[in-house]
Amino acid sequence: QVQLVESGGGLVQAGGSLRLSCAASGRTFSRYVMGWFRQAPGKEREFVAHISWSGGRTYYVDSVKGRFTISRDNAKNTVNLQMNSLKPEDTAVYYCAAGVGDYSGSYSLPRRYDYWGQGTQVTVSS
């Protein structure tokens, strides 16, 4: 069982930055693939980024490549999402997720994840 708690959301102007954090409970955090998803009002949940157990491999949706960076600290049971050059279209509730597995196949799909946080709101004003 893993519990995830996101923090770091808020209101920022376009071009600004935010750093989201996700704190995980449990002793096996390092064995989970970790992902970030987002959901805007009236839209489906969208994949943003994921990271392998060790943090050595990452993957991003095209719309955030070069602007967002996912990282993890297994000693602190945390995963972060550094978001730079934010755009109004980045406005959404951001969710942290943990998935069991060996990082094979697609971790861009919500169904690959077993645990979810409650979400944190990110609002980017133009």
Foldseek 3Di string as FASTA:
>chain_A
DKAKAKDWADEEAAQAKIKMKIAMDDDPLLQWKKFKWWDDPPDDIFGAKIAHSVRPDMDGDPVQPPFWDWGDDSVRRMIMIIGGRDDQVVWTWMKMFIAHDHPPDDPRDPVRTDYIYPTDTHGYHD
